[in-house]
């Protein structure tokens, strides 16, 4: 799990990213990101009920994304609020496929150092 300082917590923070952020879409995920004038990045995750009605499935996806972000956080440019959203295609994908797709998205968004 990400430390609290690296998480978006309030609905207002999520809303700002959704309204003013840039969108990058991939095959399994989408990214919305916006500069935040802080020295750290903050991340939020959106896994809707459209993905699965079961909370356990949604939470498993959220934990995998969180762990991947934690491992690549040092390579991501600082100073952004980033929301990672899952698409329905993520169901049944293993950790390696998810990691490759997320890293590709961050490269596409030019957020990797």
PDB file of N, CA and C in Angstrom:
ATOM      1  N   UNK A   1       0.832  -1.176   0.000  1.00  0.00           N
ATOM      2  CA  UNK A   1       0.000   0.000   0.000  1.00  0.00           C
ATOM      3  C   UNK A   1       0.881   1.245   0.000  1.00  0.00           C
ATOM      4  N   UNK A   2       0.407   2.255  -0.689  1.00  0.00           N
ATOM      5  CA  UNK A   2       1.141   3.520  -0.731  1.00  0.00           C
ATOM      6  C   UNK A   2       1.003   4.260   0.590  1.00  0.00           C
ATOM      7  N   UNK A   3       2.039   4.973   0.974  1.00  0.00           N
ATOM      8  CA  UNK A   3       1.976   5.805   2.173  1.00  0.00           C
ATOM      9  C   UNK A   3       0.944   6.911   1.965  1.00  0.00           C
ATOM     10  N   UNK A   4       0.388   7.426   3.055  1.00  0.00           N
ATOM     11  CA  UNK A   4      -0.681   8.429   2.968  1.00  0.00           C
ATOM     12  C   UNK A   4      -0.280   9.666   2.173  1.00  0.00           C
ATOM     13  N   UNK A   5       0.971  10.065   2.280  1.00  0.00           N
ATOM     14  CA  UNK A   5       1.408  11.277   1.584  1.00  0.00           C
ATOM     15  C   UNK A   5       1.372  11.119   0.065  1.00  0.00           C
ATOM     16  N   UNK A   6       1.307   9.882  -0.414  1.00  0.00           N
ATOM     17  CA  UNK A   6       1.290   9.622  -1.851  1.00  0.00           C
ATOM     18  C   UNK A   6      -0.106   9.292  -2.384  1.00  0.00           C
ATOM     19  N   UNK A   7      -1.144   9.524  -1.585  1.00  0.00           N
ATOM     20  CA  UNK A   7      -2.495   9.172  -2.005  1.00  0.00           C
ATOM     21  C   UNK A   7      -3.388  10.396  -2.130  1.00  0.00           C
ATOM     22  N   UNK A   8      -4.262  10.377  -3.115  1.00  0.00           N
ATOM     23  CA  UNK A   8      -5.336  11.355  -3.194  1.00  0.00           C
ATOM     24  C   UNK A   8      -6.430  10.855  -2.259  1.00  0.00           C
ATOM     25  N   UNK A   9      -6.913  11.717  -1.377  1.00  0.00           N
ATOM     26  CA  UNK A   9      -7.858  11.245  -0.377  1.00  0.00           C
ATOM     27  C   UNK A   9      -9.251  11.854  -0.525  1.00  0.00           C
ATOM     28  N   UNK A  10      -9.321  13.110  -0.882  1.00  0.00           N
ATOM     29  CA  UNK A  10     -10.600  13.822  -0.871  1.00  0.00           C
ATOM     30  C   UNK A  10     -11.245  13.827  -2.255  1.00  0.00           C
ATOM     31  N   UNK A  11     -12.573  13.843  -2.251  1.00  0.00           N
ATOM     32  CA  UNK A  11     -13.309  13.901  -3.506  1.00  0.00           C
ATOM     33  C   UNK A  11     -12.936  15.144  -4.309  1.00  0.00           C
ATOM     34  N   UNK A  12     -12.665  16.243  -3.616  1.00  0.00           N
ATOM     35  CA  UNK A  12     -12.301  17.492  -4.281  1.00  0.00           C
ATOM     36  C   UNK A  12     -11.003  17.320  -5.076  1.00  0.00           C
ATOM     37  N   UNK A  13     -10.050  16.571  -4.508  1.00  0.00           N
ATOM     38  CA  UNK A  13      -8.782  16.319  -5.197  1.00  0.00           C
ATOM     39  C   UNK A  13      -9.000  15.477  -6.457  1.00  0.00           C
ATOM     40  N   UNK A  14      -9.849  14.446  -6.345  1.00  0.00           N
ATOM     41  CA  UNK A  14     -10.173  13.619  -7.499  1.00  0.00           C
ATOM     42  C   UNK A  14     -10.886  14.453  -8.566  1.00  0.00           C
ATOM     43  N   UNK A  15     -11.850  15.269  -8.138  1.00  0.00           N
ATOM     44  CA  UNK A  15     -12.621  16.090  -9.075  1.00  0.00           C
ATOM     45  C   UNK A  15     -11.732  17.038  -9.864  1.00  0.00           C
ATOM     46  N   UNK A  16     -10.738  17.647  -9.187  1.00  0.00           N
ATOM     47  CA  UNK A  16      -9.814  18.550  -9.882  1.00  0.00           C
ATOM     48  C   UNK A  16      -9.054  17.826 -10.986  1.00  0.00           C
ATOM     49  N   UNK A  17      -8.600  16.620 -10.690  1.00  0.00           N
ATOM     50  CA  UNK A  17      -7.859  15.852 -11.692  1.00  0.00           C
ATOM     51  C   UNK A  17      -8.782  15.471 -12.845  1.00  0.00           C
ATOM     52  N   UNK A  18     -10.020  15.068 -12.530  1.00  0.00           N
ATOM     53  CA  UNK A  18     -10.962  14.696 -13.582  1.00  0.00           C
ATOM     54  C   UNK A  18     -11.335  15.893 -14.448  1.00  0.00           C
ATOM     55  N   UNK A  19     -11.473  17.069 -13.856  1.00  0.00           N
ATOM     56  CA  UNK A  19     -11.889  18.247 -14.610  1.00  0.00           C
ATOM     57  C   UNK A  19     -10.756  18.886 -15.397  1.00  0.00           C
ATOM     58  N   UNK A  20      -9.568  18.996 -14.792  1.00  0.00           N
ATOM     59  CA  UNK A  20      -8.486  19.761 -15.416  1.00  0.00           C
ATOM     60  C   UNK A  20      -7.300  18.914 -15.858  1.00  0.00           C
ATOM     61  N   UNK A  21      -7.368  17.610 -15.636  1.00  0.00           N
ATOM     62  CA  UNK A  21      -6.237  16.760 -15.960  1.00  0.00           C
ATOM     63  C   UNK A  21      -6.213  16.326 -17.411  1.00  0.00           C
ATOM     64  N   UNK A  22      -5.065  15.816 -17.832  1.00  0.00           N
ATOM     65  CA  UNK A  22      -4.896  15.268 -19.172  1.00  0.00           C
ATOM     66  C   UNK A  22      -5.204  13.787 -19.135  1.00  0.00           C
ATOM     67  N   UNK A  23      -5.810  13.282 -20.207  1.00  0.00           N
ATOM     68  CA  UNK A  23      -6.240  11.889 -20.295  1.00  0.00           C
ATOM     69  C   UNK A  23      -5.334  11.125 -21.255  1.00  0.00           C
ATOM     70  N   UNK A  24      -4.887   9.954 -20.828  1.00  0.00           N
ATOM     71  CA  UNK A  24      -4.151   9.028 -21.694  1.00  0.00           C
ATOM     72  C   UNK A  24      -4.801   7.658 -21.517  1.00  0.00           C
ATOM     73  N   UNK A  25      -5.219   7.041 -22.604  1.00  0.00           N
ATOM     74  CA  UNK A  25      -5.877   5.744 -22.530  1.00  0.00           C
ATOM     75  C   UNK A  25      -4.994   4.625 -23.035  1.00  0.00           C
ATOM     76  N   UNK A  26      -5.170   3.465 -22.453  1.00  0.00           N
ATOM     77  CA  UNK A  26      -4.456   2.268 -22.870  1.00  0.00           C
ATOM     78  C   UNK A  26      -5.446   1.129 -23.031  1.00  0.00           C
ATOM     79  N   UNK A  27      -4.923  -0.076 -23.203  1.00  0.00           N
ATOM     80  CA  UNK A  27      -5.811  -1.216 -23.405  1.00  0.00           C
ATOM     81  C   UNK A  27      -6.439  -1.710 -22.102  1.00  0.00           C
ATOM     82  N   UNK A  28      -5.716  -1.596 -20.972  1.00  0.00           N
ATOM     83  CA  UNK A  28      -6.238  -2.077 -19.689  1.00  0.00           C
ATOM     84  C   UNK A  28      -6.589  -0.954 -18.724  1.00  0.00           C
ATOM     85  N   UNK A  29      -5.931   0.204 -18.884  1.00  0.00           N
ATOM     86  CA  UNK A  29      -6.094   1.299 -17.929  1.00  0.00           C
ATOM     87  C   UNK A  29      -6.182   2.631 -18.649  1.00  0.00           C
ATOM     88  N   UNK A  30      -6.590   3.658 -17.894  1.00  0.00           N
ATOM     89  CA  UNK A  30      -6.459   5.029 -18.361  1.00  0.00           C
ATOM     90  C   UNK A  30      -5.813   5.845 -17.253  1.00  0.00           C
ATOM     91  N   UNK A  31      -5.123   6.894 -17.646  1.00  0.00           N
ATOM     92  CA  UNK A  31      -4.466   7.803 -16.701  1.00  0.00           C
ATOM     93  C   UNK A  31      -5.047   9.195 -16.867  1.00  0.00           C
ATOM     94  N   UNK A  32      -5.289   9.848 -15.765  1.00  0.00           N
ATOM     95  CA  UNK A  32      -5.586  11.271 -15.740  1.00  0.00           C
ATOM     96  C   UNK A  32      -4.535  11.886 -14.838  1.00  0.00           C
ATOM     97  N   UNK A  33      -3.897  12.957 -15.293  1.00  0.00           N
ATOM     98  CA  UNK A  33      -2.847  13.548 -14.468  1.00  0.00           C
ATOM     99  C   UNK A  33      -2.855  15.063 -14.599  1.00  0.00           C
ATOM    100  N   UNK A  34      -2.440  15.703 -13.519  1.00  0.00           N
ATOM    101  CA  UNK A  34      -2.425  17.158 -13.429  1.00  0.00           C
ATOM    102  C   UNK A  34      -1.305  17.556 -12.491  1.00  0.00           C
ATOM    103  N   UNK A  35      -0.619  18.661 -12.789  1.00  0.00           N
ATOM    104  CA  UNK A  35       0.438  19.144 -11.896  1.00  0.00           C
ATOM    105  C   UNK A  35      -0.167  19.592 -10.574  1.00  0.00           C
ATOM    106  N   UNK A  36       0.604  19.385  -9.474  1.00  0.00           N
ATOM    107  CA  UNK A  36       0.057  19.706  -8.151  1.00  0.00           C
ATOM    108  C   UNK A  36       0.908  20.671  -7.330  1.00  0.00           C
ATOM    109  N   UNK A  37       2.028  21.147  -7.858  1.00  0.00           N
ATOM    110  CA  UNK A  37       2.902  22.097  -7.164  1.00  0.00           C
ATOM    111  C   UNK A  37       3.471  21.565  -5.848  1.00  0.00           C
ATOM    112  N   UNK A  38       3.509  20.268  -5.703  1.00  0.00           N
ATOM    113  CA  UNK A  38       4.122  19.626  -4.532  1.00  0.00           C
ATOM    114  C   UNK A  38       5.394  18.917  -4.984  1.00  0.00           C
ATOM    115  N   UNK A  39       6.195  18.499  -4.029  1.00  0.00           N
ATOM    116  CA  UNK A  39       7.419  17.795  -4.385  1.00  0.00           C
ATOM    117  C   UNK A  39       7.182  16.299  -4.610  1.00  0.00           C
ATOM    118  N   UNK A  40       6.017  15.806  -4.221  1.00  0.00           N
ATOM    119  CA  UNK A  40       5.688  14.388  -4.378  1.00  0.00           C
ATOM    120  C   UNK A  40       4.529  14.211  -5.344  1.00  0.00           C
ATOM    121  N   UNK A  41       4.421  12.994  -5.867  1.00  0.00           N
ATOM    122  CA  UNK A  41       3.245  12.612  -6.639  1.00  0.00           C
ATOM    123  C   UNK A  41       2.196  12.071  -5.683  1.00  0.00           C
ATOM    124  N   UNK A  42       0.931  12.266  -6.058  1.00  0.00           N
ATOM    125  CA  UNK A  42      -0.167  11.667  -5.304  1.00  0.00           C
ATOM    126  C   UNK A  42      -0.997  10.849  -6.285  1.00  0.00           C
ATOM    127  N   UNK A  43      -1.411   9.666  -5.852  1.00  0.00           N
ATOM    128  CA  UNK A  43      -2.103   8.736  -6.723  1.00  0.00           C
ATOM    129  C   UNK A  43      -3.486   8.412  -6.184  1.00  0.00           C
ATOM    130  N   UNK A  44      -4.413   8.199  -7.096  1.00  0.00           N
ATOM    131  CA  UNK A  44      -5.749   7.728  -6.768  1.00  0.00           C
ATOM    132  C   UNK A  44      -6.112   6.624  -7.743  1.00  0.00           C
ATOM    133  N   UNK A  45      -6.980   5.733  -7.325  1.00  0.00           N
ATOM    134  CA  UNK A  45      -7.350   4.595  -8.160  1.00  0.00           C
ATOM    135  C   UNK A  45      -8.859   4.544  -8.307  1.00  0.00           C
ATOM    136  N   UNK A  46      -9.322   4.271  -9.531  1.00  0.00           N
ATOM    137  CA  UNK A  46     -10.748   4.175  -9.823  1.00  0.00           C
ATOM    138  C   UNK A  46     -10.996   2.811 -10.439  1.00  0.00           C
ATOM    139  N   UNK A  47     -11.690   1.964  -9.688  1.00  0.00           N
ATOM    140  CA  UNK A  47     -12.066   0.643 -10.178  1.00  0.00           C
ATOM    141  C   UNK A  47     -13.573   0.531  -9.950  1.00  0.00           C
ATOM    142  N   UNK A  48     -14.349   0.747 -10.988  1.00  0.00           N
ATOM    143  CA  UNK A  48     -15.799   0.820 -10.864  1.00  0.00           C
ATOM    144  C   UNK A  48     -16.466  -0.538 -10.789  1.00  0.00           C
ATOM    145  N   UNK A  49     -17.739  -0.519 -10.459  1.00  0.00           N
ATOM    146  CA  UNK A  49     -18.512  -1.761 -10.382  1.00  0.00           C
ATOM    147  C   UNK A  49     -18.744  -2.367 -11.755  1.00  0.00           C
ATOM    148  N   UNK A  50     -18.491  -1.597 -12.798  1.00  0.00           N
ATOM    149  CA  UNK A  50     -18.575  -2.128 -14.149  1.00  0.00           C
ATOM    150  C   UNK A  50     -17.517  -3.215 -14.359  1.00  0.00           C
ATOM    151  N   UNK A  51     -16.389  -3.096 -13.663  1.00  0.00           N
ATOM    152  CA  UNK A  51     -15.311  -4.079 -13.750  1.00  0.00           C
ATOM    153  C   UNK A  51     -15.788  -5.411 -13.171  1.00  0.00           C
ATOM    154  N   UNK A  52     -16.313  -5.357 -11.950  1.00  0.00           N
ATOM    155  CA  UNK A  52     -16.842  -6.548 -11.287  1.00  0.00           C
ATOM    156  C   UNK A  52     -17.768  -6.113 -10.165  1.00  0.00           C
ATOM    157  N   UNK A  53     -18.815  -6.843  -9.967  1.00  0.00           N
ATOM    158  CA  UNK A  53     -19.723  -6.543  -8.861  1.00  0.00           C
ATOM    159  C   UNK A  53     -19.110  -6.932  -7.519  1.00  0.00           C
ATOM    160  N   UNK A  54     -18.111  -7.812  -7.560  1.00  0.00           N
ATOM    161  CA  UNK A  54     -17.502  -8.316  -6.325  1.00  0.00           C
ATOM    162  C   UNK A  54     -16.400  -7.383  -5.849  1.00  0.00           C
ATOM    163  N   UNK A  55     -16.513  -6.926  -4.612  1.00  0.00           N
ATOM    164  CA  UNK A  55     -15.522  -6.016  -4.034  1.00  0.00           C
ATOM    165  C   UNK A  55     -14.155  -6.678  -3.944  1.00  0.00           C
ATOM    166  N   UNK A  56     -14.128  -7.992  -3.722  1.00  0.00           N
ATOM    167  CA  UNK A  56     -12.839  -8.678  -3.590  1.00  0.00           C
ATOM    168  C   UNK A  56     -12.037  -8.610  -4.888  1.00  0.00           C
ATOM    169  N   UNK A  57     -12.727  -8.710  -6.013  1.00  0.00           N
ATOM    170  CA  UNK A  57     -12.055  -8.631  -7.312  1.00  0.00           C
ATOM    171  C   UNK A  57     -11.537  -7.212  -7.534  1.00  0.00           C
ATOM    172  N   UNK A  58     -12.376  -6.217  -7.254  1.00  0.00           N
ATOM    173  CA  UNK A  58     -11.962  -4.815  -7.428  1.00  0.00           C
ATOM    174  C   UNK A  58     -10.795  -4.472  -6.516  1.00  0.00           C
ATOM    175  N   UNK A  59     -10.826  -4.944  -5.279  1.00  0.00           N
ATOM    176  CA  UNK A  59      -9.744  -4.661  -4.330  1.00  0.00           C
ATOM    177  C   UNK A  59      -8.440  -5.337  -4.738  1.00  0.00           C
ATOM    178  N   UNK A  60      -8.528  -6.521  -5.306  1.00  0.00           N
ATOM    179  CA  UNK A  60      -7.326  -7.214  -5.775  1.00  0.00           C
ATOM    180  C   UNK A  60      -6.659  -6.401  -6.888  1.00  0.00           C
ATOM    181  N   UNK A  61      -7.456  -5.883  -7.805  1.00  0.00           N
ATOM    182  CA  UNK A  61      -6.923  -5.046  -8.882  1.00  0.00           C
ATOM    183  C   UNK A  61      -6.301  -3.787  -8.283  1.00  0.00           C
ATOM    184  N   UNK A  62      -6.970  -3.168  -7.338  1.00  0.00           N
ATOM    185  CA  UNK A  62      -6.471  -1.946  -6.693  1.00  0.00           C
ATOM    186  C   UNK A  62      -5.143  -2.212  -5.974  1.00  0.00           C
ATOM    187  N   UNK A  63      -5.041  -3.338  -5.285  1.00  0.00           N
ATOM    188  CA  UNK A  63      -3.793  -3.677  -4.589  1.00  0.00           C
ATOM    189  C   UNK A  63      -2.651  -3.916  -5.572  1.00  0.00           C
ATOM    190  N   UNK A  64      -2.942  -4.572  -6.682  1.00  0.00           N
ATOM    191  CA  UNK A  64      -1.904  -4.809  -7.686  1.00  0.00           C
ATOM    192  C   UNK A  64      -1.406  -3.490  -8.279  1.00  0.00           C
ATOM    193  N   UNK A  65      -2.337  -2.603  -8.622  1.00  0.00           N
ATOM    194  CA  UNK A  65      -1.948  -1.301  -9.178  1.00  0.00           C
ATOM    195  C   UNK A  65      -1.111  -0.540  -8.160  1.00  0.00           C
ATOM    196  N   UNK A  66      -1.540  -0.534  -6.923  1.00  0.00           N
ATOM    197  CA  UNK A  66      -0.837   0.186  -5.867  1.00  0.00           C
ATOM    198  C   UNK A  66       0.590  -0.335  -5.697  1.00  0.00           C
ATOM    199  N   UNK A  67       0.753  -1.638  -5.727  1.00  0.00           N
ATOM    200  CA  UNK A  67       2.083  -2.232  -5.574  1.00  0.00           C
ATOM    201  C   UNK A  67       2.978  -1.893  -6.764  1.00  0.00           C
ATOM    202  N   UNK A  68       2.428  -1.930  -7.956  1.00  0.00           N
ATOM    203  CA  UNK A  68       3.208  -1.580  -9.150  1.00  0.00           C
ATOM    204  C   UNK A  68       3.647  -0.122  -9.081  1.00  0.00           C
ATOM    205  N   UNK A  69       2.737   0.754  -8.710  1.00  0.00           N
ATOM    206  CA  UNK A  69       3.066   2.182  -8.571  1.00  0.00           C
ATOM    207  C   UNK A  69       4.167   2.359  -7.529  1.00  0.00           C
ATOM    208  N   UNK A  70       4.063   1.648  -6.415  1.00  0.00           N
ATOM    209  CA  UNK A  70       5.063   1.761  -5.353  1.00  0.00           C
ATOM    210  C   UNK A  70       6.450   1.366  -5.858  1.00  0.00           C
ATOM    211  N   UNK A  71       6.516   0.348  -6.709  1.00  0.00           N
ATOM    212  CA  UNK A  71       7.820  -0.114  -7.198  1.00  0.00           C
ATOM    213  C   UNK A  71       8.419   0.807  -8.258  1.00  0.00           C
ATOM    214  N   UNK A  72       7.589   1.495  -9.039  1.00  0.00           N
ATOM    215  CA  UNK A  72       8.121   2.364 -10.097  1.00  0.00           C
ATOM    216  C   UNK A  72       8.081   3.847  -9.725  1.00  0.00           C
ATOM    217  N   UNK A  73       7.672   4.162  -8.500  1.00  0.00           N
ATOM    218  CA  UNK A  73       7.494   5.552  -8.079  1.00  0.00           C
ATOM    219  C   UNK A  73       8.765   6.391  -8.217  1.00  0.00           C
ATOM    220  N   UNK A  74       9.911   5.798  -7.982  1.00  0.00           N
ATOM    221  CA  UNK A  74      11.169   6.543  -8.083  1.00  0.00           C
ATOM    222  C   UNK A  74      11.461   6.999  -9.509  1.00  0.00           C
ATOM    223  N   UNK A  75      10.886   6.321 -10.497  1.00  0.00           N
ATOM    224  CA  UNK A  75      11.123   6.665 -11.900  1.00  0.00           C
ATOM    225  C   UNK A  75      10.114   7.673 -12.453  1.00  0.00           C
ATOM    226  N   UNK A  76       9.091   8.005 -11.682  1.00  0.00           N
ATOM    227  CA  UNK A  76       8.046   8.911 -12.144  1.00  0.00           C
ATOM    228  C   UNK A  76       8.415  10.346 -11.775  1.00  0.00           C
ATOM    229  N   UNK A  77       8.248  11.249 -12.723  1.00  0.00           N
ATOM    230  CA  UNK A  77       8.543  12.667 -12.471  1.00  0.00           C
ATOM    231  C   UNK A  77       7.703  13.172 -11.303  1.00  0.00           C
ATOM    232  N   UNK A  78       8.286  13.952 -10.397  1.00  0.00           N
ATOM    233  CA  UNK A  78       7.530  14.444  -9.232  1.00  0.00           C
ATOM    234  C   UNK A  78       6.642  15.639  -9.581  1.00  0.00           C
ATOM    235  N   UNK A  79       5.633  15.853  -8.723  1.00  0.00           N
ATOM    236  CA  UNK A  79       4.791  17.034  -8.840  1.00  0.00           C
ATOM    237  C   UNK A  79       3.498  16.833  -9.596  1.00  0.00           C
ATOM    238  N   UNK A  80       2.934  15.629  -9.557  1.00  0.00           N
ATOM    239  CA  UNK A  80       1.686  15.360 -10.269  1.00  0.00           C
ATOM    240  C   UNK A  80       0.669  14.669  -9.372  1.00  0.00           C
ATOM    241  N   UNK A  81      -0.599  14.970  -9.614  1.00  0.00           N
ATOM    242  CA  UNK A  81      -1.708  14.179  -9.083  1.00  0.00           C
ATOM    243  C   UNK A  81      -2.124  13.259 -10.212  1.00  0.00           C
ATOM    244  N   UNK A  82      -2.147  11.961  -9.941  1.00  0.00           N
ATOM    245  CA  UNK A  82      -2.404  10.977 -10.987  1.00  0.00           C
ATOM    246  C   UNK A  82      -3.534  10.049 -10.546  1.00  0.00           C
ATOM    247  N   UNK A  83      -4.529   9.892 -11.425  1.00  0.00           N
ATOM    248  CA  UNK A  83      -5.612   8.943 -11.180  1.00  0.00           C
ATOM    249  C   UNK A  83      -5.471   7.823 -12.201  1.00  0.00           C
ATOM    250  N   UNK A  84      -5.419   6.592 -11.704  1.00  0.00           N
ATOM    251  CA  UNK A  84      -5.333   5.409 -12.557  1.00  0.00           C
ATOM    252  C   UNK A  84      -6.693   4.723 -12.515  1.00  0.00           C
ATOM    253  N   UNK A  85      -7.294   4.560 -13.674  1.00  0.00           N
ATOM    254  CA  UNK A  85      -8.589   3.891 -13.766  1.00  0.00           C
ATOM    255  C   UNK A  85      -8.469   2.594 -14.540  1.00  0.00           C
ATOM    256  N   UNK A  86      -9.220   1.604 -14.117  1.00  0.00           N
ATOM    257  CA  UNK A  86      -9.173   0.294 -14.770  1.00  0.00           C
ATOM    258  C   UNK A  86     -10.299   0.171 -15.788  1.00  0.00           C
ATOM    259  N   UNK A  87     -10.007  -0.570 -16.850  1.00  0.00           N
ATOM    260  CA  UNK A  87     -11.017  -0.909 -17.850  1.00  0.00           C
ATOM    261  C   UNK A  87     -11.399  -2.375 -17.653  1.00  0.00           C
ATOM    262  N   UNK A  88     -12.513  -2.781 -18.230  1.00  0.00           N
ATOM    263  CA  UNK A  88     -13.012  -4.144 -18.007  1.00  0.00           C
ATOM    264  C   UNK A  88     -12.058  -5.220 -18.515  1.00  0.00           C
ATOM    265  N   UNK A  89     -11.172  -4.883 -19.443  1.00  0.00           N
ATOM    266  CA  UNK A  89     -10.237  -5.861 -20.000  1.00  0.00           C
ATOM    267  C   UNK A  89      -9.201  -6.344 -18.986  1.00  0.00           C
ATOM    268  N   UNK A  90      -9.085  -5.668 -17.841  1.00  0.00           N
ATOM    269  CA  UNK A  90      -8.079  -6.025 -16.840  1.00  0.00           C
ATOM    270  C   UNK A  90      -8.410  -7.343 -16.125  1.00  0.00           C
ATOM    271  N   UNK A  91      -9.662  -7.734 -16.156  1.00  0.00           N
ATOM    272  CA  UNK A  91     -10.075  -8.984 -15.497  1.00  0.00           C
ATOM    273  C   UNK A  91      -9.325 -10.165 -16.123  1.00  0.00           C
ATOM    274  N   UNK A  92      -8.727 -10.980 -15.263  1.00  0.00           N
ATOM    275  CA  UNK A  92      -8.038 -12.183 -15.713  1.00  0.00           C
ATOM    276  C   UNK A  92      -6.587 -11.977 -16.130  1.00  0.00           C
ATOM    277  N   UNK A  93      -6.112 -10.741 -16.100  1.00  0.00           N
ATOM    278  CA  UNK A  93      -4.715 -10.484 -16.465  1.00  0.00           C
ATOM    279  C   UNK A  93      -3.829 -10.722 -15.253  1.00  0.00           C
ATOM    280  N   UNK A  94      -2.624 -11.217 -15.507  1.00  0.00           N
ATOM    281  CA  UNK A  94      -1.714 -11.466 -14.400  1.00  0.00           C
ATOM    282  C   UNK A  94      -0.896 -10.209 -14.088  1.00  0.00           C
ATOM    283  N   UNK A  95      -0.135 -10.281 -13.023  1.00  0.00           N
ATOM    284  CA  UNK A  95       0.633  -9.142 -12.503  1.00  0.00           C
ATOM    285  C   UNK A  95       1.585  -8.575 -13.559  1.00  0.00           C
ATOM    286  N   UNK A  96       2.271  -9.454 -14.277  1.00  0.00           N
ATOM    287  CA  UNK A  96       3.258  -9.024 -15.276  1.00  0.00           C
ATOM    288  C   UNK A  96       2.605  -8.208 -16.389  1.00  0.00           C
ATOM    289  N   UNK A  97       1.466  -8.673 -16.891  1.00  0.00           N
ATOM    290  CA  UNK A  97       0.761  -7.956 -17.953  1.00  0.00           C
ATOM    291  C   UNK A  97       0.287  -6.589 -17.475  1.00  0.00           C
ATOM    292  N   UNK A  98      -0.210  -6.550 -16.244  1.00  0.00           N
ATOM    293  CA  UNK A  98      -0.677  -5.284 -15.667  1.00  0.00           C
ATOM    294  C   UNK A  98       0.488  -4.311 -15.523  1.00  0.00           C
ATOM    295  N   UNK A  99       1.615  -4.808 -15.030  1.00  0.00           N
ATOM    296  CA  UNK A  99       2.789  -3.944 -14.844  1.00  0.00           C
ATOM    297  C   UNK A  99       3.290  -3.394 -16.173  1.00  0.00           C
ATOM    298  N   UNK A 100       3.393  -4.240 -17.187  1.00  0.00           N
ATOM    299  CA  UNK A 100       3.858  -3.793 -18.500  1.00  0.00           C
ATOM    300  C   UNK A 100       2.931  -2.727 -19.069  1.00  0.00           C
ATOM    301  N   UNK A 101       1.617  -2.939 -18.919  1.00  0.00           N
ATOM    302  CA  UNK A 101       0.652  -1.987 -19.452  1.00  0.00           C
ATOM    303  C   UNK A 101       0.728  -0.644 -18.731  1.00  0.00           C
ATOM    304  N   UNK A 102       0.857  -0.668 -17.414  1.00  0.00           N
ATOM    305  CA  UNK A 102       0.959   0.582 -16.654  1.00  0.00           C
ATOM    306  C   UNK A 102       2.246   1.335 -16.991  1.00  0.00           C
ATOM    307  N   UNK A 103       3.358   0.623 -17.082  1.00  0.00           N
ATOM    308  CA  UNK A 103       4.620   1.278 -17.427  1.00  0.00           C
ATOM    309  C   UNK A 103       4.545   1.905 -18.815  1.00  0.00           C
ATOM    310  N   UNK A 104       3.906   1.217 -19.748  1.00  0.00           N
ATOM    311  CA  UNK A 104       3.727   1.746 -21.091  1.00  0.00           C
ATOM    312  C   UNK A 104       2.884   3.030 -21.061  1.00  0.00           C
ATOM    313  N   UNK A 105       1.840   3.029 -20.250  1.00  0.00           N
ATOM    314  CA  UNK A 105       0.989   4.220 -20.125  1.00  0.00           C
ATOM    315  C   UNK A 105       1.757   5.409 -19.561  1.00  0.00           C
ATOM    316  N   UNK A 106       2.573   5.170 -18.545  1.00  0.00           N
ATOM    317  CA  UNK A 106       3.366   6.251 -17.955  1.00  0.00           C
ATOM    318  C   UNK A 106       4.393   6.788 -18.960  1.00  0.00           C
ATOM    319  N   UNK A 107       4.957   5.900 -19.783  1.00  0.00           N
ATOM    320  CA  UNK A 107       5.875   6.358 -20.821  1.00  0.00           C
ATOM    321  C   UNK A 107       5.137   7.192 -21.864  1.00  0.00           C
ATOM    322  N   UNK A 108       3.958   6.727 -22.256  1.00  0.00           N
ATOM    323  CA  UNK A 108       3.140   7.426 -23.240  1.00  0.00           C
ATOM    324  C   UNK A 108       2.757   8.821 -22.746  1.00  0.00           C
ATOM    325  N   UNK A 109       2.516   8.940 -21.441  1.00  0.00           N
ATOM    326  CA  UNK A 109       2.160  10.225 -20.839  1.00  0.00           C
ATOM    327  C   UNK A 109       3.381  11.082 -20.547  1.00  0.00           C
ATOM    328  N   UNK A 110       4.578  10.530 -20.811  1.00  0.00           N
ATOM    329  CA  UNK A 110       5.846  11.214 -20.553  1.00  0.00           C
ATOM    330  C   UNK A 110       6.019  11.582 -19.085  1.00  0.00           C
ATOM    331  N   UNK A 111       5.595  10.685 -18.206  1.00  0.00           N
ATOM    332  CA  UNK A 111       5.746  10.885 -16.756  1.00  0.00           C
ATOM    333  C   UNK A 111       6.939  10.136 -16.191  1.00  0.00           C
ATOM    334  N   UNK A 112       7.594   9.314 -17.015  1.00  0.00           N
ATOM    335  CA  UNK A 112       8.778   8.580 -16.587  1.00  0.00           C
ATOM    336  C   UNK A 112       9.999   9.468 -16.817  1.00  0.00           C
ATOM    337  N   UNK A 113      10.896   9.501 -15.841  1.00  0.00           N
ATOM    338  CA  UNK A 113      12.132  10.299 -15.965  1.00  0.00           C
ATOM    339  C   UNK A 113      12.995   9.791 -17.094  1.00  0.00           C
TER     340      UNK A 113
END
